[in-house]
Every structure is written in C-alpha cells, then in structure tokens.
C-alpha cells in the first residue's frame, strides 16, 4: 500500500514519529511537510530527536490567516496527491495541515484516514475544533484515541469506518518520559529544581490574539506564587512584543522565559514540574500520563477524561481559579487512559484491513 502522510506542526511530528516506523515496515510512505511550523525550534529538532524520517516534500507554507494558510496548502497538496496517486492520505490531529490534507485527499477521490478522530471540545470558536470536525466528515477511516471519541462520532453520524486504536502520542510518551524524568541536568540548565516550579505554555489564538485576553494571561502568569518556566511559542512571543507586554514578563524574577523546547527537554521539565498551566491539548494529556497536575487555560477541553478523573482543572484565565487549582491535590488514583503503547501498531493494522 502507498500511504501519503501530511504533517505540519509539533504534535503531528510526534504522532508521525510513532507511526512511521511500523508503517514503513509494512507499506510505502510518502511524507509531506506543509511547513505550518517552519522554524527549527518547532520543526527540524523533532525530526532529529524522535527519529522521524525526513520529509519527502516540504511545501513551505506558513504564516497568514487560517483561511489563507489552508487555501494555500490545498492548492499545493492537490498536484502532489494527484501525482503520487496514493492508496490513502493519512492526517493527524486538528491543525490547518490536517484539514487541508483531508480535503485535498477527499476532493481527488483518495480515501483519507484521520488519526485522533472524534475528539471534541464542543467550542466551535476554536479553529482546531472546526478543523477536526470537518476532517472527520471528509475521512473514510476514523482512528480514535478513546471511547469518548468513538461515541462523539456515533452521535454525529460520521460516515467513515470508526476504529478505536488508542493514542499514538502515548506510545511516544511511555517510551520517552521515564528517561526524561531523570534528566535533571536539563532542569539545572533552566535554573529550577524538581517540584519547585510550574511549567506554562500558551499559544491558542483565543488566548494570544485578543489583546484583552493576552493581558489577562500575563496577569495570571505574574500572579503565580512559584517559579514559572515559560517556553514561548513564536506566535505568543510576537503578540506579547506587539502589545508591549513581553517586558513585563521579562522583568519578573520568578519567570524563566525560554525559546520553544525540544520534545525531550519539554518532557523533562513536564515530568518534574509541580504543575502544568497550558492551553495545549497535547500537553494536558502528557501531564496526565506523567502524573503531573494540569491547569488548563481554556473553558473547555477535548480531553474530558483528564478533568473527570480530577487531574486537570479548566480555569480559562481566571486568576483565582488558577491559584486554587494550583494548591489542590489531585486524587491518589490515576486510571490509565488512551492506550498501552501499541496504538501505532493498531493504526497500521487498521490501514491494512480497511484501505483497499
């Protein structure tokens, strides 16, 4: 079977790193990088560090609005898919690259397989929610991380074949987190000690593109009664600088502002943190897997099980709620979620079984 895989950002590189190995042992893969994450700190390092094969094609499409970026990706992907004539287009997650890959494949009549199908925050104001819903309904094979995702697709009447495979990011986390937890040298390089700091990230458009919410985010970070390690996404860095807020963060003696981090360094900081504050879907899940309390800077999440189990608290940008959540102890039990480290193999099995 010939598989054309479309990736474009950090979480997709991690997922593809789990799948590409077993996929290439059974089938042929053509890996297309849209360029959505275009700088080395968000792209090249993940190929090097996680052993993801180098892209066969790089489209170089970045920046711009969601609409213009998706449109340019569609325009670039159509001839690539037509020329390659794959048996299936494989997409991951919920980004513009996901939607473009799914639409481009479906529009030229190639079956589309969507890894991480069925995830829902039920907040259509999030571009990611719109991307994942549209990608699901353009796909013929829906590969789900959880029973909740399977149920979501059933309620929506999705036409594709639904298969519960587990979460391929769990495969990577289970392999990397135990080693990363021991990398205290990476903590010392950032000037922090295990359990003494909070790891914080923010990049969602709803938090950083609106000036009022961006200022509330800054106030929240400055209010935390602990050291804070803050890897800054390029989008967030630019918005903070444009709003004149970056200097406020830089003046704080409790904040350690860093560039975007490699997967291993971020995993080391995550596994040894007192808590994680984030608006990232992937980091919520990785915190759960690492046994680290998560405080989510959104009013909703697609990873509802982490909230139901008491290890994740939705606070939006409410400072009082965030401080309360920081002091609250998580439950003693943490049920296993999303997979057993063999999701990538089940993805390949599902492709082999269902793609003709």
Protein backbone atom coordinates (compact mmCIF):
# COMPACT_ATOMS: atom_id res chain seq x y z
CA UNK A 1 0.00 0.00 0.00
CA UNK A 2 1.14 3.54 -0.77
CA UNK A 3 0.43 5.98 2.06
CA UNK A 4 0.78 9.75 1.71
CA UNK A 5 1.16 11.36 5.15
CA UNK A 6 0.57 15.08 5.72
CA UNK A 7 2.17 16.76 8.75
CA UNK A 8 2.89 20.36 9.65
CA UNK A 9 3.29 21.01 13.38
CA UNK A 10 4.87 19.73 16.58
CA UNK A 11 2.11 17.34 17.77
CA UNK A 12 1.87 15.86 14.29
CA UNK A 13 5.63 15.24 14.15
CA UNK A 14 5.38 13.36 17.46
CA UNK A 15 2.44 11.25 16.28
CA UNK A 16 4.05 10.53 12.92
CA UNK A 17 7.27 9.54 14.70
CA UNK A 18 5.31 6.79 16.46
CA UNK A 19 3.55 5.56 13.32
CA UNK A 20 6.11 5.91 10.53
CA UNK A 21 8.37 3.11 11.76
CA UNK A 22 5.76 0.33 11.86
CA UNK A 23 4.02 1.81 8.82
CA UNK A 24 7.18 1.64 6.69
CA UNK A 25 7.84 -1.93 7.74
CA UNK A 26 4.56 -2.94 6.11
CA UNK A 27 3.89 -0.29 3.45
CA UNK A 28 5.40 2.59 1.48
CA UNK A 29 5.08 6.09 2.92
CA UNK A 30 5.49 9.49 1.25
CA UNK A 31 5.86 12.14 3.98
CA UNK A 32 4.72 15.68 3.14
CA UNK A 33 5.58 18.59 5.47
CA UNK A 34 3.34 21.58 4.81
CA UNK A 35 5.66 23.99 6.64
CA UNK A 36 2.98 25.16 9.10
CA UNK A 37 5.64 25.11 11.83
CA UNK A 38 8.52 26.48 9.89
CA UNK A 39 11.38 27.29 12.26
CA UNK A 40 13.96 24.82 13.55
CA UNK A 41 12.76 25.04 17.15
CA UNK A 42 9.29 23.80 16.18
CA UNK A 43 10.15 21.52 13.27
CA UNK A 44 13.63 20.23 12.46
CA UNK A 45 14.51 19.30 16.04
CA UNK A 46 11.61 16.83 16.22
CA UNK A 47 12.72 15.01 13.10
CA UNK A 48 16.23 14.74 14.54
CA UNK A 49 15.27 13.87 18.12
CA UNK A 50 12.41 11.42 17.58
CA UNK A 51 13.81 9.67 14.53
CA UNK A 52 11.02 10.79 12.21
CA UNK A 53 12.15 10.25 8.60
CA UNK A 54 13.00 13.42 6.69
CA UNK A 55 10.08 14.76 4.66
CA UNK A 56 9.94 13.69 1.03
CA UNK A 57 8.41 17.05 0.14
CA UNK A 58 8.36 20.37 2.00
CA UNK A 59 5.70 22.81 0.84
CA UNK A 60 6.98 25.84 2.78
CA UNK A 61 3.53 27.18 3.64
CA UNK A 62 3.42 29.17 6.88
CA UNK A 63 2.03 32.38 8.33
CA UNK A 64 -1.16 34.07 7.22
CA UNK A 65 -4.72 33.65 8.46
CA UNK A 66 -6.25 30.23 8.95
CA UNK A 67 -8.22 30.71 5.74
CA UNK A 68 -5.31 31.79 3.57
CA UNK A 69 -2.95 29.17 5.01
CA UNK A 70 -5.44 26.34 4.47
CA UNK A 71 -6.19 27.56 0.94
CA UNK A 72 -2.50 27.66 0.01
CA UNK A 73 -1.98 24.18 1.45
CA UNK A 74 -4.92 22.85 -0.57
CA UNK A 75 -3.53 24.40 -3.72
CA UNK A 76 -0.10 22.86 -3.10
CA UNK A 77 -1.32 19.43 -2.00
CA UNK A 78 -3.67 18.76 -4.91
CA UNK A 79 -0.94 18.20 -7.55
CA UNK A 80 1.23 16.28 -5.06
CA UNK A 81 -1.59 13.84 -4.29
CA UNK A 82 -2.59 13.55 -7.95
CA UNK A 83 0.99 12.79 -8.99
CA UNK A 84 1.68 10.32 -6.17
CA UNK A 85 -1.68 8.52 -6.58
CA UNK A 86 -1.58 7.06 -3.05
CA UNK A 87 -3.97 4.42 -1.77
CA UNK A 88 -4.72 6.58 1.28
CA UNK A 89 -3.95 10.05 2.68
CA UNK A 90 -3.06 9.92 6.38
CA UNK A 91 -3.61 13.00 8.56
CA UNK A 92 -3.20 13.67 12.28
CA UNK A 93 -4.91 15.89 14.81
CA UNK A 94 -6.65 19.22 14.31
CA UNK A 95 -4.49 21.81 12.53
CA UNK A 96 -4.79 23.61 9.21
CA UNK A 97 -2.48 20.93 7.80
CA UNK A 98 -4.97 18.27 8.97
CA UNK A 99 -7.92 19.94 7.29
CA UNK A 100 -6.01 20.70 4.09
CA UNK A 101 -4.75 17.13 3.82
CA UNK A 102 -8.20 15.67 4.45
CA UNK A 103 -9.96 17.94 1.97
CA UNK A 104 -7.29 17.57 -0.70
CA UNK A 105 -7.44 13.78 -0.48
CA UNK A 106 -11.22 13.60 -0.43
CA UNK A 107 -11.60 16.03 -3.32
CA UNK A 108 -9.41 13.96 -5.62
CA UNK A 109 -11.15 10.76 -4.58
CA UNK A 110 -8.43 9.24 -2.38
CA UNK A 111 -9.53 7.65 0.93
CA UNK A 112 -8.50 9.69 3.97
CA UNK A 113 -7.53 8.21 7.35
CA UNK A 114 -7.66 10.56 10.34
CA UNK A 115 -5.62 9.71 13.44
CA UNK A 116 -7.11 11.24 16.62
CA UNK A 117 -10.58 11.36 15.09
CA UNK A 118 -13.65 12.16 17.17
CA UNK A 119 -12.05 14.50 19.71
CA UNK A 120 -14.42 17.33 20.62
CA UNK A 121 -14.26 20.37 22.89
CA UNK A 122 -17.69 21.49 21.59
CA UNK A 123 -16.34 25.02 21.22
CA UNK A 124 -16.68 25.99 17.57
CA UNK A 125 -14.94 29.32 18.22
CA UNK A 126 -11.67 27.33 18.31
CA UNK A 127 -10.14 26.89 14.85
CA UNK A 128 -8.92 23.47 15.97
CA UNK A 129 -12.46 22.30 16.71
CA UNK A 130 -13.66 23.31 13.26
CA UNK A 131 -10.65 21.60 11.68
CA UNK A 132 -11.21 18.31 13.49
CA UNK A 133 -14.94 18.20 12.77
CA UNK A 134 -14.51 18.90 9.07
CA UNK A 135 -11.58 16.49 8.76
CA UNK A 136 -13.62 13.73 10.39
CA UNK A 137 -16.51 14.14 8.00
CA UNK A 138 -14.16 14.16 4.99
CA UNK A 139 -12.43 10.94 6.15
CA UNK A 140 -13.29 7.36 5.32
CA UNK A 141 -11.28 5.80 8.17
CA UNK A 142 -11.60 7.36 11.63
CA UNK A 143 -8.91 6.21 14.06
CA UNK A 144 -9.91 7.13 17.62
CA UNK A 145 -7.89 7.62 20.79
CA UNK A 146 -10.69 6.90 23.26
CA UNK A 147 -14.20 5.54 23.74
CA UNK A 148 -15.41 9.12 24.19
CA UNK A 149 -14.18 9.94 20.67
CA UNK A 150 -15.94 6.86 19.28
CA UNK A 151 -19.18 7.97 20.96
CA UNK A 152 -18.83 11.50 19.58
CA UNK A 153 -18.59 10.19 16.04
CA UNK A 154 -21.59 7.95 16.60
CA UNK A 155 -23.74 10.88 17.73
CA UNK A 156 -22.66 12.88 14.67
CA UNK A 157 -23.41 10.05 12.27
CA UNK A 158 -19.92 10.10 10.77
CA UNK A 159 -19.86 8.08 7.55
CA UNK A 160 -16.35 6.65 7.86
CA UNK A 161 -15.30 3.37 9.42
CA UNK A 162 -14.60 4.01 13.12
CA UNK A 163 -11.76 2.09 14.83
CA UNK A 164 -10.57 2.51 18.42
CA UNK A 165 -6.77 2.32 18.25
CA UNK A 166 -5.65 4.29 21.32
CA UNK A 167 -3.40 7.33 21.30
CA UNK A 168 -0.16 7.25 19.35
CA UNK A 169 1.24 10.10 21.46
CA UNK A 170 1.01 7.74 24.42
CA UNK A 171 3.37 5.40 22.58
CA UNK A 172 5.98 8.17 22.45
CA UNK A 173 5.34 9.42 25.99
CA UNK A 174 5.62 5.96 27.51
CA UNK A 175 8.95 5.48 25.74
CA UNK A 176 10.42 8.92 26.49
CA UNK A 177 9.02 10.08 29.86
CA UNK A 178 10.87 7.60 32.12
CA UNK A 179 14.23 8.66 30.67
CA UNK A 180 13.28 12.33 30.55
CA UNK A 181 12.33 12.30 34.26
CA UNK A 182 15.96 11.51 35.08
CA UNK A 183 17.37 14.39 33.02
CA UNK A 184 17.85 16.76 35.93
CA UNK A 185 20.68 18.41 34.01
CA UNK A 186 18.04 19.92 31.73
CA UNK A 187 16.29 21.42 34.77
CA UNK A 188 19.53 22.83 36.14
CA UNK A 189 20.19 24.47 32.78
CA UNK A 190 16.93 26.39 33.27
CA UNK A 191 17.70 27.25 36.90
CA UNK A 192 14.99 25.15 38.54
CA UNK A 193 14.76 22.14 40.87
CA UNK A 194 12.30 19.22 40.75
CA UNK A 195 8.88 20.09 42.20
CA UNK A 196 9.73 23.75 42.71
CA UNK A 197 8.29 25.28 39.54
CA UNK A 198 5.30 25.45 37.23
CA UNK A 199 5.64 24.73 33.51
CA UNK A 200 3.46 27.09 31.46
CA UNK A 201 2.65 27.28 27.74
CA UNK A 202 0.15 29.33 25.75
CA UNK A 203 -0.36 29.60 22.01
CA UNK A 204 -4.08 29.24 21.21
CA UNK A 205 -5.50 32.08 19.13
CA UNK A 206 -8.28 32.61 21.66
CA UNK A 207 -5.72 33.47 24.33
CA UNK A 208 -2.98 35.33 22.47
CA UNK A 209 -4.68 37.09 19.55
CA UNK A 210 -7.18 39.04 21.65
CA UNK A 211 -5.35 41.93 23.42
CA UNK A 212 -7.63 41.82 26.45
CA UNK A 213 -7.20 38.10 26.98
CA UNK A 214 -3.46 38.35 26.34
CA UNK A 215 -3.17 40.91 29.13
CA UNK A 216 -5.19 38.64 31.45
CA UNK A 217 -2.82 35.81 30.58
CA UNK A 218 0.16 37.95 31.58
CA UNK A 219 -1.53 38.93 34.87
CA UNK A 220 -2.23 35.29 35.61
CA UNK A 221 1.38 34.24 34.97
CA UNK A 222 2.72 37.06 37.15
CA UNK A 223 0.36 36.09 39.98
CA UNK A 224 1.66 32.54 40.36
CA UNK A 225 3.43 32.01 43.72
CA UNK A 226 6.16 29.81 42.25
CA UNK A 227 8.92 29.86 39.70
CA UNK A 228 7.50 29.56 36.20
CA UNK A 229 9.26 28.10 33.17
CA UNK A 230 7.62 29.63 30.10
CA UNK A 231 8.68 28.31 26.68
CA UNK A 232 7.39 30.95 24.27
CA UNK A 233 5.79 29.87 21.02
CA UNK A 234 6.80 32.28 18.20
CA UNK A 235 3.16 33.34 17.80
CA UNK A 236 2.89 34.20 21.51
CA UNK A 237 6.26 35.95 21.54
CA UNK A 238 5.18 38.16 18.65
CA UNK A 239 1.82 39.03 20.21
CA UNK A 240 3.41 39.88 23.57
CA UNK A 241 6.03 42.09 21.96
CA UNK A 242 3.47 43.89 19.79
CA UNK A 243 1.27 44.55 22.83
CA UNK A 244 4.16 45.84 24.94
CA UNK A 245 3.67 43.01 27.45
CA UNK A 246 6.84 40.99 26.89
CA UNK A 247 8.92 43.34 29.03
CA UNK A 248 6.55 42.87 31.99
CA UNK A 249 7.21 39.15 31.92
CA UNK A 250 10.94 39.59 31.42
CA UNK A 251 11.17 41.84 34.50
CA UNK A 252 9.74 39.17 36.79
CA UNK A 253 12.38 37.33 38.82
CA UNK A 254 10.07 34.29 39.07
CA UNK A 255 9.75 33.71 35.32
CA UNK A 256 12.22 31.73 33.22
CA UNK A 257 11.35 32.58 29.61
CA UNK A 258 12.81 30.17 27.05
CA UNK A 259 12.56 29.58 23.31
CA UNK A 260 10.44 26.59 22.18
CA UNK A 261 11.90 23.40 23.58
CA UNK A 262 12.74 20.04 22.08
CA UNK A 263 10.49 17.12 22.93
CA UNK A 264 12.95 15.60 25.41
CA UNK A 265 13.68 18.87 27.23
CA UNK A 266 9.99 19.71 27.47
CA UNK A 267 9.27 16.18 28.73
CA UNK A 268 11.98 16.54 31.40
CA UNK A 269 10.53 19.84 32.61
CA UNK A 270 7.00 18.44 32.47
CA UNK A 271 7.75 15.27 34.42
CA UNK A 272 9.47 17.18 37.23
CA UNK A 273 7.08 20.14 37.49
CA UNK A 274 4.83 20.95 40.43
CA UNK A 275 2.06 21.60 37.92
CA UNK A 276 1.46 22.47 34.26
CA UNK A 277 -0.51 25.51 33.07
CA UNK A 278 -1.36 25.27 29.40
CA UNK A 279 -3.87 25.79 26.62
CA UNK A 280 -2.35 22.92 24.63
CA UNK A 281 -4.43 19.79 24.15
CA UNK A 282 -1.39 17.56 23.80
CA UNK A 283 0.31 18.86 26.93
CA UNK A 284 -2.83 18.24 29.01
CA UNK A 285 -2.65 14.60 28.04
CA UNK A 286 1.12 14.34 28.52
CA UNK A 287 0.79 15.85 32.01
CA UNK A 288 -1.80 13.20 32.89
CA UNK A 289 0.47 10.43 31.65
CA UNK A 290 3.36 11.86 33.69
CA UNK A 291 1.26 12.13 36.87
CA UNK A 292 1.54 15.92 36.97
CA UNK A 293 -1.41 18.14 37.86
CA UNK A 294 -2.65 20.22 34.92
CA UNK A 295 -4.40 23.60 34.97
CA UNK A 296 -5.93 24.34 31.58
CA UNK A 297 -6.19 27.94 30.40
CA UNK A 298 -9.37 27.25 28.45
CA UNK A 299 -13.06 26.92 29.35
CA UNK A 300 -13.32 23.54 27.59
CA UNK A 301 -11.16 20.60 26.57
CA UNK A 302 -11.29 17.69 24.15
CA UNK A 303 -9.53 15.51 26.77
CA UNK A 304 -12.56 15.34 29.08
CA UNK A 305 -11.39 12.19 30.89
CA UNK A 306 -8.47 14.07 32.47
CA UNK A 307 -10.94 16.53 34.01
CA UNK A 308 -13.37 13.83 35.12
CA UNK A 309 -10.53 11.99 36.86
CA UNK A 310 -9.52 15.10 38.79
CA UNK A 311 -6.06 15.62 37.32
CA UNK A 312 -6.97 18.54 35.06
CA UNK A 313 -8.84 21.72 36.02
CA UNK A 314 -10.38 24.11 33.49
CA UNK A 315 -9.86 27.69 34.69
CA UNK A 316 -9.91 29.73 31.46
CA UNK A 317 -7.95 32.86 32.50
CA UNK A 318 -9.47 33.19 35.99
CA UNK A 319 -6.61 34.01 38.36
CA UNK A 320 -8.47 32.95 41.50
CA UNK A 321 -9.47 29.62 39.98
CA UNK A 322 -5.92 29.01 38.78
CA UNK A 323 -4.41 29.73 42.22
CA UNK A 324 -6.97 27.48 43.89
CA UNK A 325 -6.26 24.67 41.42
CA UNK A 326 -2.52 25.06 41.99
CA UNK A 327 -2.96 24.36 45.71
CA UNK A 328 -5.40 21.47 45.28
CA UNK A 329 -4.01 17.96 45.48
CA UNK A 330 -5.02 15.57 42.70
CA UNK A 331 -6.72 12.29 43.58
CA UNK A 332 -4.48 9.41 44.70
CA UNK A 333 -5.70 7.21 41.84
CA UNK A 334 -4.91 7.94 38.19
CA UNK A 335 -6.67 5.45 35.91
CA UNK A 336 -4.78 4.52 32.73
CA UNK A 337 -6.11 6.38 29.70
CA UNK A 338 -5.77 6.42 25.94
CA UNK A 339 -3.52 3.47 25.26
CA UNK A 340 -0.96 0.88 26.20
CA UNK A 341 1.98 1.85 23.99
CA UNK A 342 0.79 -0.12 20.96
CA UNK A 343 -1.53 2.40 19.28
CA UNK A 344 0.79 2.91 16.30
CA UNK A 345 0.69 -0.80 15.51
CA UNK A 346 -3.11 -0.72 15.62
CA UNK A 347 -3.13 2.28 13.26
CA UNK A 348 -1.13 0.25 10.73
CA UNK A 349 -3.37 -2.79 11.25
CA UNK A 350 -6.47 -0.64 10.63
CA UNK A 351 -4.99 0.83 7.45
CA UNK A 352 -4.07 -2.65 6.21
CA UNK A 353 -7.54 -4.01 6.95
CA UNK A 354 -9.76 -1.16 5.80
CA UNK A 355 -7.96 0.54 2.89
CA UNK A 356 -8.47 -1.19 -0.43
